[in-house]
Amino acid sequence: MSGLWKRSDDPRGDFQVSPEERWLRYLYERHSPEELVQWGKKLRYLRYRRASGGHAGDGDRLAAAIRFEGREQLESVCEALGIVLHPLAPGEEDPVWRPSVKGYPDLGQPGHTEIGGVPAFVWIYRDNLTISVSDPDDPYEVSAPTVDAAAEGLEDRLHPLRELLIQPPDASRNCVCPEHYPELFES
């Protein structure tokens, strides 16, 4: 498989290859399959997610998703992660700068925070919480030092919550996980 991710010197470009080969070239454009295998061995719960690309405006990231049932479990999950929930006073919500949590209008979204010493972006939905981690100096990239920091700091915080983790954290093929790419996780 390692030969698939290399770009072709064919002057006709990517139009002469199958959609699947084009996808694999994109998936492995920044990180080879071998590198992703190494990351998979370091990360038990976080998954590398390749950007959607195009005009989506998103970037590569490490992702985790945790389900919860009700406010009490949400508060318990946040406490385990070291996330401080910020109460909102009535009328304080600002949809751009301080949006509230859907279903819990008295709570502000955590947004940019730190978990286990690792900068992360946290967003809470009605029944799950998502965590995104990217390079601190380039929010569109994930590098080996970021993977190492997440493996050392964030993974320990996720371990007690492992029964609540949603796997894969993203159902799209952009999420590099055993469910979508078992060949990268065989060892």
C-alpha atoms as a PDB file:
ATOM      1  CA  MET A   1       0.000   0.000   0.000  1.00  0.00           C
ATOM      2  CA  SER A   2       2.861   2.429   0.637  1.00  0.00           C
ATOM      3  CA  GLY A   3       3.304   3.012  -3.105  1.00  0.00           C
ATOM      4  CA  LEU A   4      -0.249   4.296  -3.497  1.00  0.00           C
ATOM      5  CA  TRP A   5       0.249   7.478  -1.544  1.00  0.00           C
ATOM      6  CA  LYS A   6       3.057   8.799  -3.731  1.00  0.00           C
ATOM      7  CA  ARG A   7       2.137  11.288  -6.410  1.00  0.00           C
ATOM      8  CA  SER A   8       2.266  10.265 -10.029  1.00  0.00           C
ATOM      9  CA  ASP A   9       4.592  11.969 -12.511  1.00  0.00           C
ATOM     10  CA  ASP A  10       1.953  11.413 -15.177  1.00  0.00           C
ATOM     11  CA  PRO A  11       1.341  14.819 -16.881  1.00  0.00           C
ATOM     12  CA  ARG A  12      -2.339  13.897 -17.219  1.00  0.00           C
ATOM     13  CA  GLY A  13      -2.635  14.230 -13.445  1.00  0.00           C
ATOM     14  CA  ASP A  14      -5.033  12.465 -11.116  1.00  0.00           C
ATOM     15  CA  PHE A  15      -7.785  12.121 -13.715  1.00  0.00           C
ATOM     16  CA  GLN A  16      -6.274   8.880 -15.011  1.00  0.00           C
ATOM     17  CA  VAL A  17      -6.536   7.082 -11.660  1.00  0.00           C
ATOM     18  CA  SER A  18      -9.491   5.511  -9.887  1.00  0.00           C
ATOM     19  CA  PRO A  19     -11.458   7.501  -7.296  1.00  0.00           C
ATOM     20  CA  GLU A  20     -10.174   5.122  -4.615  1.00  0.00           C
ATOM     21  CA  GLU A  21      -6.530   5.718  -5.573  1.00  0.00           C
ATOM     22  CA  ARG A  22      -7.189   9.468  -5.672  1.00  0.00           C
ATOM     23  CA  TRP A  23      -8.675   9.221  -2.176  1.00  0.00           C
ATOM     24  CA  LEU A  24      -5.662   7.265  -0.854  1.00  0.00           C
ATOM     25  CA  ARG A  25      -3.289   9.837  -2.343  1.00  0.00           C
ATOM     26  CA  TYR A  26      -5.169  12.550  -0.467  1.00  0.00           C
ATOM     27  CA  LEU A  27      -5.381  10.543   2.774  1.00  0.00           C
ATOM     28  CA  TYR A  28      -1.638   9.822   2.799  1.00  0.00           C
ATOM     29  CA  GLU A  29      -0.527  13.140   1.320  1.00  0.00           C
ATOM     30  CA  ARG A  30       0.828  14.509   4.630  1.00  0.00           C
ATOM     31  CA  HIS A  31       1.464  11.310   6.591  1.00  0.00           C
ATOM     32  CA  SER A  32       2.454   7.939   5.158  1.00  0.00           C
ATOM     33  CA  PRO A  33       0.634   4.750   6.119  1.00  0.00           C
ATOM     34  CA  GLU A  34       3.723   3.757   8.109  1.00  0.00           C
ATOM     35  CA  GLU A  35       3.555   6.949  10.157  1.00  0.00           C
ATOM     36  CA  LEU A  36      -0.165   6.479  10.806  1.00  0.00           C
ATOM     37  CA  VAL A  37       0.528   2.907  11.976  1.00  0.00           C
ATOM     38  CA  GLN A  38       3.011   4.327  14.510  1.00  0.00           C
ATOM     39  CA  TRP A  39       0.475   6.911  15.664  1.00  0.00           C
ATOM     40  CA  GLY A  40      -2.149   4.181  16.037  1.00  0.00           C
ATOM     41  CA  LYS A  41       0.206   2.287  18.354  1.00  0.00           C
ATOM     42  CA  LYS A  42       0.666   5.388  20.549  1.00  0.00           C
ATOM     43  CA  LEU A  43      -2.987   6.444  20.677  1.00  0.00           C
ATOM     44  CA  ARG A  44      -5.548   4.124  22.250  1.00  0.00           C
ATOM     45  CA  TYR A  45      -8.569   6.428  22.098  1.00  0.00           C
ATOM     46  CA  LEU A  46      -7.806   9.457  19.947  1.00  0.00           C
ATOM     47  CA  ARG A  47      -8.001   9.012  16.168  1.00  0.00           C
ATOM     48  CA  TYR A  48      -6.325  10.946  13.389  1.00  0.00           C
ATOM     49  CA  ARG A  49      -8.916  12.631  11.198  1.00  0.00           C
ATOM     50  CA  ARG A  50      -7.889  13.898   7.764  1.00  0.00           C
ATOM     51  CA  ALA A  51      -9.436  17.235   6.804  1.00  0.00           C
ATOM     52  CA  SER A  52     -12.476  17.178   4.549  1.00  0.00           C
ATOM     53  CA  GLY A  53     -10.587  19.402   2.143  1.00  0.00           C
ATOM     54  CA  GLY A  54     -11.902  21.672  -0.547  1.00  0.00           C
ATOM     55  CA  HIS A  55     -13.848  24.624   0.787  1.00  0.00           C
ATOM     56  CA  ALA A  56     -14.688  23.000   4.132  1.00  0.00           C
ATOM     57  CA  GLY A  57     -12.111  25.146   5.913  1.00  0.00           C
ATOM     58  CA  ASP A  58     -11.309  22.400   8.401  1.00  0.00           C
ATOM     59  CA  GLY A  59      -7.924  20.934   9.174  1.00  0.00           C
ATOM     60  CA  ASP A  60      -6.366  17.654  10.147  1.00  0.00           C
ATOM     61  CA  ARG A  61      -6.856  16.790  13.803  1.00  0.00           C
ATOM     62  CA  LEU A  62      -6.882  14.135  16.461  1.00  0.00           C
ATOM     63  CA  ALA A  63     -10.449  13.428  17.493  1.00  0.00           C
ATOM     64  CA  ALA A  64     -12.390  11.800  20.310  1.00  0.00           C
ATOM     65  CA  ALA A  65     -16.101  11.732  21.073  1.00  0.00           C
ATOM     66  CA  ILE A  66     -17.715  10.841  24.395  1.00  0.00           C
ATOM     67  CA  ARG A  67     -21.404  10.101  24.877  1.00  0.00           C
ATOM     68  CA  PHE A  68     -23.308  11.067  27.994  1.00  0.00           C
ATOM     69  CA  GLU A  69     -26.872  10.831  29.279  1.00  0.00           C
ATOM     70  CA  GLY A  70     -28.088  13.893  31.093  1.00  0.00           C
ATOM     71  CA  ARG A  71     -26.502  16.786  32.880  1.00  0.00           C
ATOM     72  CA  GLU A  72     -25.128  14.780  35.789  1.00  0.00           C
ATOM     73  CA  GLN A  73     -23.122  12.515  33.490  1.00  0.00           C
ATOM     74  CA  LEU A  74     -22.008  15.514  31.388  1.00  0.00           C
ATOM     75  CA  GLU A  75     -20.663  17.170  34.526  1.00  0.00           C
ATOM     76  CA  SER A  76     -18.963  13.924  35.563  1.00  0.00           C
ATOM     77  CA  VAL A  77     -17.298  13.550  32.138  1.00  0.00           C
ATOM     78  CA  CYS A  78     -16.089  17.155  32.202  1.00  0.00           C
ATOM     79  CA  GLU A  79     -14.738  16.732  35.735  1.00  0.00           C
ATOM     80  CA  ALA A  80     -12.810  13.597  34.690  1.00  0.00           C
ATOM     81  CA  LEU A  81     -11.293  15.524  31.769  1.00  0.00           C
ATOM     82  CA  GLY A  82     -10.518  18.589  33.883  1.00  0.00           C
ATOM     83  CA  ILE A  83     -12.875  20.772  31.836  1.00  0.00           C
ATOM     84  CA  VAL A  84     -14.417  23.658  33.730  1.00  0.00           C
ATOM     85  CA  LEU A  85     -18.021  24.293  32.700  1.00  0.00           C
ATOM     86  CA  HIS A  86     -18.859  27.993  32.523  1.00  0.00           C
ATOM     87  CA  PRO A  87     -22.336  28.990  33.672  1.00  0.00           C
ATOM     88  CA  LEU A  88     -24.136  31.626  31.643  1.00  0.00           C
ATOM     89  CA  ALA A  89     -26.352  34.232  33.230  1.00  0.00           C
ATOM     90  CA  PRO A  90     -29.793  34.604  31.652  1.00  0.00           C
ATOM     91  CA  GLY A  91     -29.418  36.548  28.395  1.00  0.00           C
ATOM     92  CA  GLU A  92     -25.608  36.255  28.429  1.00  0.00           C
ATOM     93  CA  GLU A  93     -25.419  33.908  25.420  1.00  0.00           C
ATOM     94  CA  ASP A  94     -23.814  35.384  22.345  1.00  0.00           C
ATOM     95  CA  PRO A  95     -24.093  33.023  19.354  1.00  0.00           C
ATOM     96  CA  VAL A  96     -20.631  33.994  18.101  1.00  0.00           C
ATOM     97  CA  TRP A  97     -18.502  34.654  21.177  1.00  0.00           C
ATOM     98  CA  ARG A  98     -20.181  32.648  23.917  1.00  0.00           C
ATOM     99  CA  PRO A  99     -22.691  30.120  22.576  1.00  0.00           C
ATOM    100  CA  SER A 100     -24.587  27.934  24.995  1.00  0.00           C
ATOM    101  CA  VAL A 101     -24.683  24.163  25.080  1.00  0.00           C
ATOM    102  CA  LYS A 102     -27.745  22.829  23.227  1.00  0.00           C
ATOM    103  CA  GLY A 103     -30.134  21.428  25.804  1.00  0.00           C
ATOM    104  CA  TYR A 104     -28.317  23.263  28.619  1.00  0.00           C
ATOM    105  CA  PRO A 105     -28.811  26.995  27.910  1.00  0.00           C
ATOM    106  CA  ASP A 106     -27.264  27.934  31.259  1.00  0.00           C
ATOM    107  CA  LEU A 107     -23.868  26.473  30.207  1.00  0.00           C
ATOM    108  CA  GLY A 108     -21.375  28.053  27.818  1.00  0.00           C
ATOM    109  CA  GLN A 109     -19.434  25.935  25.346  1.00  0.00           C
ATOM    110  CA  PRO A 110     -15.905  25.114  26.575  1.00  0.00           C
ATOM    111  CA  GLY A 111     -14.323  25.859  23.175  1.00  0.00           C
ATOM    112  CA  HIS A 112     -10.532  26.249  23.387  1.00  0.00           C
ATOM    113  CA  THR A 113      -9.296  24.666  26.584  1.00  0.00           C
ATOM    114  CA  GLU A 114      -6.590  22.379  27.910  1.00  0.00           C
ATOM    115  CA  ILE A 115      -6.918  18.705  28.842  1.00  0.00           C
ATOM    116  CA  GLY A 116      -4.024  16.991  30.569  1.00  0.00           C
ATOM    117  CA  GLY A 117      -1.723  19.823  29.542  1.00  0.00           C
ATOM    118  CA  VAL A 118      -2.716  19.492  25.876  1.00  0.00           C
ATOM    119  CA  PRO A 119      -4.424  22.383  24.045  1.00  0.00           C
ATOM    120  CA  ALA A 120      -7.762  21.130  22.717  1.00  0.00           C
ATOM    121  CA  PHE A 121     -11.052  22.336  21.300  1.00  0.00           C
ATOM    122  CA  VAL A 122     -14.118  20.920  23.076  1.00  0.00           C
ATOM    123  CA  TRP A 123     -17.698  21.180  21.896  1.00  0.00           C
ATOM    124  CA  ILE A 124     -20.735  19.782  23.687  1.00  0.00           C
ATOM    125  CA  TYR A 125     -23.832  18.554  21.838  1.00  0.00           C
ATOM    126  CA  ARG A 126     -27.085  17.254  23.321  1.00  0.00           C
ATOM    127  CA  ASP A 127     -25.712  13.797  24.085  1.00  0.00           C
ATOM    128  CA  ASN A 128     -21.991  13.837  23.290  1.00  0.00           C
ATOM    129  CA  LEU A 129     -18.846  15.855  23.720  1.00  0.00           C
ATOM    130  CA  THR A 130     -16.157  16.107  21.047  1.00  0.00           C
ATOM    131  CA  ILE A 131     -12.470  16.798  21.489  1.00  0.00           C
ATOM    132  CA  SER A 132     -10.208  18.038  18.692  1.00  0.00           C
ATOM    133  CA  VAL A 133      -6.444  18.404  18.960  1.00  0.00           C
ATOM    134  CA  SER A 134      -4.129  19.925  16.368  1.00  0.00           C
ATOM    135  CA  ASP A 135      -0.719  21.562  16.373  1.00  0.00           C
ATOM    136  CA  PRO A 136      -0.723  24.580  18.699  1.00  0.00           C
ATOM    137  CA  ASP A 137       1.108  26.731  16.148  1.00  0.00           C
ATOM    138  CA  ASP A 138      -0.857  25.483  13.109  1.00  0.00           C
ATOM    139  CA  PRO A 139      -4.480  24.485  13.768  1.00  0.00           C
ATOM    140  CA  TYR A 140      -4.759  22.800  10.347  1.00  0.00           C
ATOM    141  CA  GLU A 141      -1.970  20.270  10.972  1.00  0.00           C
ATOM    142  CA  VAL A 142      -1.144  17.316  13.195  1.00  0.00           C
ATOM    143  CA  SER A 143       2.529  16.495  13.711  1.00  0.00           C
ATOM    144  CA  ALA A 144       4.421  13.814  15.610  1.00  0.00           C
ATOM    145  CA  PRO A 145       5.099  16.128  18.620  1.00  0.00           C
ATOM    146  CA  THR A 146       1.357  16.787  18.930  1.00  0.00           C
ATOM    147  CA  VAL A 147       0.637  13.041  18.793  1.00  0.00           C
ATOM    148  CA  ASP A 148       3.282  12.448  21.477  1.00  0.00           C
ATOM    149  CA  ALA A 149       1.858  15.177  23.723  1.00  0.00           C
ATOM    150  CA  ALA A 150      -1.692  13.813  23.313  1.00  0.00           C
ATOM    151  CA  ALA A 151      -0.517  10.249  24.003  1.00  0.00           C
ATOM    152  CA  GLU A 152       1.225  11.369  27.204  1.00  0.00           C
ATOM    153  CA  GLY A 153      -1.350  13.853  28.538  1.00  0.00           C
ATOM    154  CA  LEU A 154      -4.793  13.419  27.064  1.00  0.00           C
ATOM    155  CA  GLU A 155      -5.000   9.642  26.688  1.00  0.00           C
ATOM    156  CA  ASP A 156      -4.713   9.152  30.477  1.00  0.00           C
ATOM    157  CA  ARG A 157      -7.725  11.424  30.959  1.00  0.00           C
ATOM    158  CA  LEU A 158      -9.725   9.419  28.415  1.00  0.00           C
ATOM    159  CA  HIS A 159      -8.914   6.009  29.900  1.00  0.00           C
ATOM    160  CA  PRO A 160     -11.468   6.147  32.777  1.00  0.00           C
ATOM    161  CA  LEU A 161     -14.100   7.205  30.212  1.00  0.00           C
ATOM    162  CA  ARG A 162     -13.306   4.425  27.707  1.00  0.00           C
ATOM    163  CA  GLU A 163     -16.768   2.822  28.092  1.00  0.00           C
ATOM    164  CA  LEU A 164     -18.357   6.114  26.999  1.00  0.00           C
ATOM    165  CA  LEU A 165     -16.111   6.715  23.979  1.00  0.00           C
ATOM    166  CA  ILE A 166     -17.787   6.715  20.599  1.00  0.00           C
ATOM    167  CA  GLN A 167     -15.706   4.666  18.164  1.00  0.00           C
ATOM    168  CA  PRO A 168     -15.086   5.782  15.577  1.00  0.00           C
ATOM    169  CA  PRO A 169     -15.409   9.399  16.763  1.00  0.00           C
ATOM    170  CA  ASP A 170     -16.261  10.392  13.185  1.00  0.00           C
ATOM    171  CA  ALA A 171     -18.192   8.042  10.914  1.00  0.00           C
ATOM    172  CA  SER A 172     -16.576   9.327   7.709  1.00  0.00           C
ATOM    173  CA  ARG A 173     -13.700   7.633   5.927  1.00  0.00           C
ATOM    174  CA  ASN A 174     -11.584  10.657   6.873  1.00  0.00           C
ATOM    175  CA  CYS A 175     -11.268   9.133  10.342  1.00  0.00           C
ATOM    176  CA  VAL A 176      -8.297   6.770  10.471  1.00  0.00           C
ATOM    177  CA  CYS A 177      -9.532   4.055  12.813  1.00  0.00           C
ATOM    178  CA  PRO A 178      -9.702   0.249  12.982  1.00  0.00           C
ATOM    179  CA  GLU A 179     -13.267   0.338  11.669  1.00  0.00           C
ATOM    180  CA  HIS A 180     -12.263   2.081   8.397  1.00  0.00           C
ATOM    181  CA  TYR A 181      -8.602   1.103   7.982  1.00  0.00           C
ATOM    182  CA  PRO A 182      -8.047  -2.211   9.803  1.00  0.00           C
ATOM    183  CA  GLU A 183      -4.817  -2.800   7.893  1.00  0.00           C
ATOM    184  CA  LEU A 184      -3.248   0.166   9.715  1.00  0.00           C
ATOM    185  CA  PHE A 185      -4.095  -1.296  13.122  1.00  0.00           C
ATOM    186  CA  GLU A 186      -3.057  -4.929  12.661  1.00  0.00           C
ATOM    187  CA  SER A 187      -0.036  -5.873  14.714  1.00  0.00           C
END
